[in-house]
Amino acid sequence: MVRKLEYKFKTLYSEIGGQETIERLVNAFYPRVYNDSELAPLFEGDIEEIKRKQRMFLPQFLGGPALYSQEFGPPAMRERHLPFEVTPRRAQCWLRCMKEAFQEIGLDQNPAGLAFYDRLTQVAGIMVNSLDRE
C-alpha cells in the first residue's frame, strides 16, 4: 500500500490573510497615492480600474491566484510602467505610501507582511526608469 503524502505550501498571499487583506491594503494605499504631489500625475485615469488591477496583481505577486495574468497576460510590470516617468524620488514616495497603508491595516505587525513589504522595495527599485529632476 502506497501512502500519499500531502503538503500544503503556505504562500505570502495566504499568510497575510488573502484577498480580504489585499482589499484593505488597496483601499488604504490609493488615497495616499492620489494625495501625493509626486505620484498623482502617474495615476491619472479611473481610480476604480487602477484599484481593480492592483487587487488582481497583488495576489499573483504573493503566490496566490493568477488573476492578473488570466485577464491581461503576463504582468511584465517594468515594461507596463515604461511610459511613466518613474524616478528614484517617486519610487520612494510610492514606498512611503505603501508603508503607511501597511501600518494603517496592521500588516506591518505580521512577519509575512514584512516579507511582502521587502519584496515591494525590490520592485520599486526595478521600476525606476528616469532620473530625478532638481
N, C-alpha and C. Protein backbone atom coordinates (compact mmCIF):
# COMPACT_ATOMS: atom_id res chain seq x y z
N MET A 1 0.85 -1.18 0.00
CA MET A 1 0.00 0.00 0.00
C MET A 1 0.90 1.25 0.00
N VAL A 2 0.62 2.16 -0.90
CA VAL A 2 1.38 3.40 -1.01
C VAL A 2 0.58 4.50 -0.32
N ARG A 3 1.28 5.18 0.59
CA ARG A 3 0.63 6.30 1.26
C ARG A 3 0.97 7.58 0.53
N LYS A 4 -0.02 8.37 0.28
CA LYS A 4 0.17 9.64 -0.39
C LYS A 4 0.42 10.72 0.67
N LEU A 5 1.55 11.39 0.53
CA LEU A 5 1.85 12.48 1.44
C LEU A 5 1.24 13.76 0.90
N GLU A 6 0.63 14.50 1.77
CA GLU A 6 0.02 15.75 1.36
C GLU A 6 0.72 16.89 2.08
N TYR A 7 1.16 17.86 1.31
CA TYR A 7 1.84 19.01 1.88
C TYR A 7 1.16 20.26 1.36
N LYS A 8 0.78 21.10 2.25
CA LYS A 8 0.16 22.37 1.85
C LYS A 8 1.18 23.47 2.00
N PHE A 9 1.59 24.02 0.87
CA PHE A 9 2.57 25.09 0.84
C PHE A 9 1.87 26.40 1.18
N LYS A 10 2.40 27.10 2.15
CA LYS A 10 1.82 28.39 2.52
C LYS A 10 2.49 29.48 1.69
N THR A 11 1.69 30.34 1.15
CA THR A 11 2.19 31.46 0.35
C THR A 11 2.10 32.74 1.19
N LEU A 12 2.82 33.75 0.75
CA LEU A 12 2.66 35.06 1.40
C LEU A 12 1.22 35.51 1.30
N TYR A 13 0.58 35.20 0.19
CA TYR A 13 -0.82 35.56 -0.01
C TYR A 13 -1.69 34.99 1.12
N SER A 14 -1.56 33.70 1.38
CA SER A 14 -2.37 33.10 2.44
C SER A 14 -1.91 33.58 3.82
N GLU A 15 -0.61 33.78 3.99
CA GLU A 15 -0.08 34.19 5.29
C GLU A 15 -0.53 35.59 5.70
N ILE A 16 -0.75 36.48 4.72
CA ILE A 16 -1.20 37.83 5.09
C ILE A 16 -2.71 37.91 5.28
N GLY A 17 -3.42 36.88 4.85
CA GLY A 17 -4.87 36.90 5.02
C GLY A 17 -5.65 36.93 3.72
N GLY A 18 -4.98 36.69 2.62
CA GLY A 18 -5.66 36.56 1.32
C GLY A 18 -6.29 37.83 0.79
N GLN A 19 -7.36 37.62 0.05
CA GLN A 19 -7.99 38.72 -0.70
C GLN A 19 -8.55 39.81 0.21
N GLU A 20 -9.01 39.43 1.39
CA GLU A 20 -9.55 40.44 2.31
C GLU A 20 -8.47 41.46 2.68
N THR A 21 -7.27 40.97 2.95
CA THR A 21 -6.17 41.88 3.30
C THR A 21 -5.75 42.70 2.09
N ILE A 22 -5.72 42.07 0.92
CA ILE A 22 -5.38 42.82 -0.31
C ILE A 22 -6.37 43.96 -0.50
N GLU A 23 -7.64 43.69 -0.32
CA GLU A 23 -8.68 44.72 -0.48
C GLU A 23 -8.44 45.87 0.49
N ARG A 24 -8.17 45.56 1.73
CA ARG A 24 -7.93 46.60 2.73
C ARG A 24 -6.68 47.41 2.39
N LEU A 25 -5.64 46.72 1.93
CA LEU A 25 -4.39 47.41 1.58
C LEU A 25 -4.60 48.36 0.41
N VAL A 26 -5.25 47.88 -0.63
CA VAL A 26 -5.50 48.72 -1.81
C VAL A 26 -6.32 49.94 -1.43
N ASN A 27 -7.33 49.75 -0.60
CA ASN A 27 -8.17 50.88 -0.17
C ASN A 27 -7.43 51.87 0.72
N ALA A 28 -6.44 51.41 1.45
CA ALA A 28 -5.63 52.31 2.29
C ALA A 28 -4.54 53.00 1.48
N PHE A 29 -4.07 52.34 0.45
CA PHE A 29 -2.93 52.83 -0.33
C PHE A 29 -3.30 53.92 -1.34
N TYR A 30 -4.32 53.71 -2.14
CA TYR A 30 -4.57 54.63 -3.25
C TYR A 30 -4.97 56.04 -2.85
N PRO A 31 -5.71 56.28 -1.79
CA PRO A 31 -5.93 57.68 -1.40
C PRO A 31 -4.61 58.41 -1.12
N ARG A 32 -3.65 57.71 -0.56
CA ARG A 32 -2.34 58.31 -0.29
C ARG A 32 -1.64 58.67 -1.60
N VAL A 33 -1.69 57.76 -2.56
CA VAL A 33 -1.05 57.99 -3.86
C VAL A 33 -1.66 59.21 -4.54
N TYR A 34 -2.97 59.29 -4.55
CA TYR A 34 -3.65 60.39 -5.23
C TYR A 34 -3.46 61.72 -4.51
N ASN A 35 -3.09 61.68 -3.23
CA ASN A 35 -2.83 62.91 -2.47
C ASN A 35 -1.36 63.29 -2.46
N ASP A 36 -0.50 62.49 -3.09
CA ASP A 36 0.93 62.76 -3.13
C ASP A 36 1.25 63.52 -4.41
N SER A 37 1.80 64.72 -4.29
CA SER A 37 2.05 65.56 -5.47
C SER A 37 3.06 64.94 -6.43
N GLU A 38 3.97 64.12 -5.94
CA GLU A 38 4.94 63.44 -6.82
C GLU A 38 4.28 62.29 -7.60
N LEU A 39 3.35 61.60 -6.97
CA LEU A 39 2.78 60.39 -7.56
C LEU A 39 1.50 60.62 -8.34
N ALA A 40 0.69 61.56 -7.91
CA ALA A 40 -0.63 61.75 -8.53
C ALA A 40 -0.57 61.85 -10.05
N PRO A 41 0.42 62.54 -10.64
CA PRO A 41 0.44 62.63 -12.11
C PRO A 41 0.62 61.27 -12.80
N LEU A 42 1.17 60.28 -12.10
CA LEU A 42 1.36 58.96 -12.70
C LEU A 42 0.10 58.12 -12.67
N PHE A 43 -0.88 58.54 -11.89
CA PHE A 43 -2.06 57.72 -11.67
C PHE A 43 -3.33 58.38 -12.19
N GLU A 44 -3.21 59.01 -13.34
CA GLU A 44 -4.39 59.61 -13.95
C GLU A 44 -5.27 58.50 -14.49
N GLY A 45 -6.53 58.75 -14.52
CA GLY A 45 -7.46 57.73 -15.00
C GLY A 45 -8.40 57.29 -13.91
N ASP A 46 -9.15 56.28 -14.22
CA ASP A 46 -10.19 55.77 -13.33
C ASP A 46 -9.56 55.05 -12.13
N ILE A 47 -9.68 55.66 -10.95
CA ILE A 47 -9.09 55.07 -9.75
C ILE A 47 -9.66 53.68 -9.49
N GLU A 48 -10.93 53.47 -9.78
CA GLU A 48 -11.52 52.15 -9.52
C GLU A 48 -10.91 51.08 -10.41
N GLU A 49 -10.61 51.43 -11.65
CA GLU A 49 -9.97 50.47 -12.55
C GLU A 49 -8.53 50.19 -12.11
N ILE A 50 -7.84 51.23 -11.68
CA ILE A 50 -6.47 51.06 -11.19
C ILE A 50 -6.47 50.17 -9.95
N LYS A 51 -7.40 50.40 -9.04
CA LYS A 51 -7.51 49.57 -7.84
C LYS A 51 -7.87 48.13 -8.20
N ARG A 52 -8.75 47.95 -9.17
CA ARG A 52 -9.14 46.60 -9.59
C ARG A 52 -7.93 45.82 -10.10
N LYS A 53 -7.12 46.48 -10.92
CA LYS A 53 -5.91 45.81 -11.44
C LYS A 53 -4.95 45.47 -10.31
N GLN A 54 -4.82 46.36 -9.34
CA GLN A 54 -3.92 46.08 -8.21
C GLN A 54 -4.46 44.91 -7.39
N ARG A 55 -5.80 44.85 -7.20
CA ARG A 55 -6.39 43.73 -6.46
C ARG A 55 -6.20 42.42 -7.20
N MET A 56 -5.99 42.47 -8.50
CA MET A 56 -5.72 41.27 -9.29
C MET A 56 -4.24 40.93 -9.30
N PHE A 57 -3.39 41.96 -9.34
CA PHE A 57 -1.95 41.73 -9.43
C PHE A 57 -1.35 41.22 -8.12
N LEU A 58 -1.69 41.86 -7.01
CA LEU A 58 -1.03 41.53 -5.74
C LEU A 58 -1.20 40.07 -5.32
N PRO A 59 -2.38 39.45 -5.48
CA PRO A 59 -2.45 38.03 -5.13
C PRO A 59 -1.44 37.19 -5.92
N GLN A 60 -1.35 37.44 -7.20
CA GLN A 60 -0.41 36.71 -8.05
C GLN A 60 1.03 36.98 -7.60
N PHE A 61 1.34 38.20 -7.28
CA PHE A 61 2.68 38.61 -6.82
C PHE A 61 3.07 37.86 -5.54
N LEU A 62 2.06 37.52 -4.74
CA LEU A 62 2.30 36.88 -3.45
C LEU A 62 2.09 35.37 -3.46
N GLY A 63 1.93 34.79 -4.64
CA GLY A 63 1.79 33.34 -4.73
C GLY A 63 0.37 32.84 -4.70
N GLY A 64 -0.59 33.75 -4.79
CA GLY A 64 -1.99 33.36 -4.81
C GLY A 64 -2.48 33.17 -6.24
N PRO A 65 -3.78 33.28 -6.44
CA PRO A 65 -4.34 33.06 -7.78
C PRO A 65 -3.80 34.06 -8.80
N ALA A 66 -3.60 33.58 -10.02
CA ALA A 66 -3.03 34.39 -11.11
C ALA A 66 -4.11 35.19 -11.81
N LEU A 67 -4.83 35.98 -11.05
CA LEU A 67 -5.96 36.75 -11.58
C LEU A 67 -5.54 37.74 -12.65
N TYR A 68 -4.44 38.42 -12.42
CA TYR A 68 -3.97 39.43 -13.36
C TYR A 68 -3.63 38.80 -14.71
N SER A 69 -2.86 37.74 -14.68
CA SER A 69 -2.44 37.08 -15.93
C SER A 69 -3.62 36.50 -16.69
N GLN A 70 -4.62 36.04 -15.98
CA GLN A 70 -5.79 35.48 -16.64
C GLN A 70 -6.49 36.52 -17.51
N GLU A 71 -6.48 37.76 -17.09
CA GLU A 71 -7.15 38.82 -17.86
C GLU A 71 -6.21 39.59 -18.77
N PHE A 72 -4.98 39.85 -18.32
CA PHE A 72 -4.09 40.76 -19.05
C PHE A 72 -2.84 40.10 -19.60
N GLY A 73 -2.62 38.84 -19.33
CA GLY A 73 -1.39 38.18 -19.75
C GLY A 73 -0.31 38.38 -18.71
N PRO A 74 0.91 37.97 -19.02
CA PRO A 74 2.00 38.09 -18.04
C PRO A 74 2.14 39.52 -17.53
N PRO A 75 2.40 39.69 -16.23
CA PRO A 75 2.47 41.03 -15.68
C PRO A 75 3.47 41.96 -16.35
N ALA A 76 4.71 41.51 -16.57
CA ALA A 76 5.73 42.36 -17.22
C ALA A 76 5.64 43.79 -16.71
N MET A 77 5.66 43.93 -15.38
CA MET A 77 5.37 45.23 -14.77
C MET A 77 6.35 46.33 -15.18
N ARG A 78 7.61 46.04 -15.30
CA ARG A 78 8.55 47.09 -15.71
C ARG A 78 8.17 47.63 -17.08
N GLU A 79 7.90 46.74 -18.01
CA GLU A 79 7.53 47.17 -19.37
C GLU A 79 6.22 47.95 -19.36
N ARG A 80 5.28 47.53 -18.56
CA ARG A 80 3.99 48.23 -18.49
C ARG A 80 4.13 49.63 -17.90
N HIS A 81 5.17 49.84 -17.10
CA HIS A 81 5.37 51.15 -16.47
C HIS A 81 6.34 52.05 -17.23
N LEU A 82 6.94 51.56 -18.30
CA LEU A 82 7.90 52.37 -19.05
C LEU A 82 7.33 53.68 -19.59
N PRO A 83 6.06 53.75 -19.96
CA PRO A 83 5.53 55.04 -20.44
C PRO A 83 5.47 56.12 -19.35
N PHE A 84 5.65 55.73 -18.11
CA PHE A 84 5.57 56.67 -16.99
C PHE A 84 6.97 57.00 -16.48
N GLU A 85 7.17 58.23 -16.10
CA GLU A 85 8.46 58.66 -15.58
C GLU A 85 8.57 58.27 -14.11
N VAL A 86 9.20 57.14 -13.87
CA VAL A 86 9.37 56.64 -12.50
C VAL A 86 10.80 56.97 -12.08
N THR A 87 10.91 57.94 -11.20
CA THR A 87 12.22 58.41 -10.72
C THR A 87 12.52 57.78 -9.36
N PRO A 88 13.76 57.85 -8.90
CA PRO A 88 14.06 57.37 -7.55
C PRO A 88 13.19 58.04 -6.48
N ARG A 89 12.96 59.35 -6.63
CA ARG A 89 12.12 60.06 -5.65
C ARG A 89 10.70 59.51 -5.67
N ARG A 90 10.17 59.30 -6.86
CA ARG A 90 8.81 58.76 -6.95
C ARG A 90 8.74 57.33 -6.40
N ALA A 91 9.76 56.55 -6.63
CA ALA A 91 9.78 55.19 -6.07
C ALA A 91 9.75 55.25 -4.55
N GLN A 92 10.49 56.19 -3.97
CA GLN A 92 10.50 56.34 -2.51
C GLN A 92 9.15 56.84 -1.99
N CYS A 93 8.51 57.75 -2.74
CA CYS A 93 7.18 58.22 -2.35
C CYS A 93 6.17 57.07 -2.39
N TRP A 94 6.28 56.25 -3.42
CA TRP A 94 5.39 55.09 -3.57
C TRP A 94 5.57 54.14 -2.38
N LEU A 95 6.83 53.89 -2.01
CA LEU A 95 7.10 53.02 -0.87
C LEU A 95 6.60 53.63 0.44
N ARG A 96 6.74 54.94 0.59
CA ARG A 96 6.24 55.60 1.80
C ARG A 96 4.73 55.43 1.91
N CYS A 97 4.03 55.66 0.80
CA CYS A 97 2.57 55.48 0.79
C CYS A 97 2.20 54.04 1.13
N MET A 98 2.95 53.10 0.58
CA MET A 98 2.67 51.69 0.84
C MET A 98 2.95 51.36 2.31
N LYS A 99 4.04 51.88 2.84
CA LYS A 99 4.38 51.62 4.24
C LYS A 99 3.29 52.16 5.17
N GLU A 100 2.81 53.36 4.86
CA GLU A 100 1.74 53.95 5.66
C GLU A 100 0.46 53.11 5.57
N ALA A 101 0.17 52.60 4.39
CA ALA A 101 -1.01 51.74 4.21
C ALA A 101 -0.83 50.43 5.00
N PHE A 102 0.37 49.85 4.96
CA PHE A 102 0.66 48.65 5.75
C PHE A 102 0.42 48.93 7.23
N GLN A 103 0.89 50.09 7.70
CA GLN A 103 0.73 50.45 9.10
C GLN A 103 -0.75 50.64 9.44
N GLU A 104 -1.48 51.30 8.55
CA GLU A 104 -2.90 51.55 8.80
C GLU A 104 -3.68 50.26 9.02
N ILE A 105 -3.38 49.24 8.22
CA ILE A 105 -4.16 47.99 8.34
C ILE A 105 -3.48 46.94 9.22
N GLY A 106 -2.33 47.29 9.82
CA GLY A 106 -1.65 46.37 10.73
C GLY A 106 -0.81 45.31 10.05
N LEU A 107 -0.59 45.45 8.77
CA LEU A 107 0.19 44.45 8.03
C LEU A 107 1.67 44.54 8.39
N ASP A 108 2.08 45.66 8.95
CA ASP A 108 3.48 45.81 9.37
C ASP A 108 3.78 45.03 10.65
N GLN A 109 2.78 44.45 11.28
CA GLN A 109 2.95 43.67 12.51
C GLN A 109 3.03 42.17 12.23
N ASN A 110 2.92 41.79 10.97
CA ASN A 110 2.86 40.40 10.56
C ASN A 110 4.18 40.03 9.87
N PRO A 111 4.87 38.96 10.28
CA PRO A 111 6.12 38.59 9.61
C PRO A 111 5.95 38.42 8.09
N ALA A 112 4.84 37.85 7.67
CA ALA A 112 4.59 37.72 6.23
C ALA A 112 4.40 39.09 5.60
N GLY A 113 3.79 40.00 6.33
CA GLY A 113 3.63 41.36 5.85
C GLY A 113 4.96 42.05 5.67
N LEU A 114 5.88 41.82 6.57
CA LEU A 114 7.22 42.40 6.45
C LEU A 114 7.95 41.82 5.24
N ALA A 115 7.78 40.53 5.00
CA ALA A 115 8.39 39.92 3.81
C ALA A 115 7.76 40.49 2.54
N PHE A 116 6.47 40.71 2.56
CA PHE A 116 5.74 41.31 1.45
C PHE A 116 6.31 42.71 1.17
N TYR A 117 6.44 43.52 2.21
CA TYR A 117 6.97 44.87 2.02
C TYR A 117 8.40 44.83 1.48
N ASP A 118 9.19 43.90 1.95
CA ASP A 118 10.56 43.76 1.45
C ASP A 118 10.55 43.48 -0.06
N ARG A 119 9.66 42.65 -0.51
CA ARG A 119 9.55 42.37 -1.95
C ARG A 119 9.16 43.64 -2.70
N LEU A 120 8.28 44.44 -2.11
CA LEU A 120 7.86 45.68 -2.77
C LEU A 120 9.02 46.67 -2.88
N THR A 121 9.92 46.69 -1.91
CA THR A 121 11.07 47.59 -2.01
C THR A 121 11.95 47.19 -3.20
N GLN A 122 12.05 45.90 -3.45
CA GLN A 122 12.80 45.43 -4.62
C GLN A 122 12.12 45.86 -5.91
N VAL A 123 10.81 45.72 -5.96
CA VAL A 123 10.04 46.11 -7.15
C VAL A 123 10.18 47.60 -7.40
N ALA A 124 10.11 48.40 -6.36
CA ALA A 124 10.21 49.86 -6.53
C ALA A 124 11.53 50.22 -7.21
N GLY A 125 12.60 49.58 -6.82
CA GLY A 125 13.90 49.84 -7.44
C GLY A 125 13.93 49.43 -8.90
N ILE A 126 13.30 48.33 -9.21
CA ILE A 126 13.27 47.83 -10.59
C ILE A 126 12.45 48.76 -11.50
N MET A 127 11.46 49.40 -10.96
CA MET A 127 10.58 50.26 -11.77
C MET A 127 11.21 51.59 -12.17
N VAL A 128 12.24 52.01 -11.47
CA VAL A 128 12.88 53.30 -11.78
C VAL A 128 13.40 53.27 -13.21
N ASN A 129 12.98 54.28 -13.98
CA ASN A 129 13.39 54.36 -15.40
C ASN A 129 13.82 55.76 -15.82
N SER A 130 13.86 56.69 -14.87
CA SER A 130 14.24 58.08 -15.15
C SER A 130 14.98 58.64 -13.94
N LEU A 131 15.76 59.67 -14.19
CA LEU A 131 16.46 60.35 -13.11
C LEU A 131 15.58 61.43 -12.52
N ASP A 132 15.83 61.74 -11.24
CA ASP A 132 15.14 62.85 -10.60
C ASP A 132 15.58 64.15 -11.26
N ARG A 133 14.66 65.07 -11.39
CA ARG A 133 14.99 66.42 -11.90
C ARG A 133 14.98 67.35 -10.71
N GLU A 134 16.00 68.10 -10.58
CA GLU A 134 16.08 69.03 -9.43
C GLU A 134 15.47 70.35 -9.78
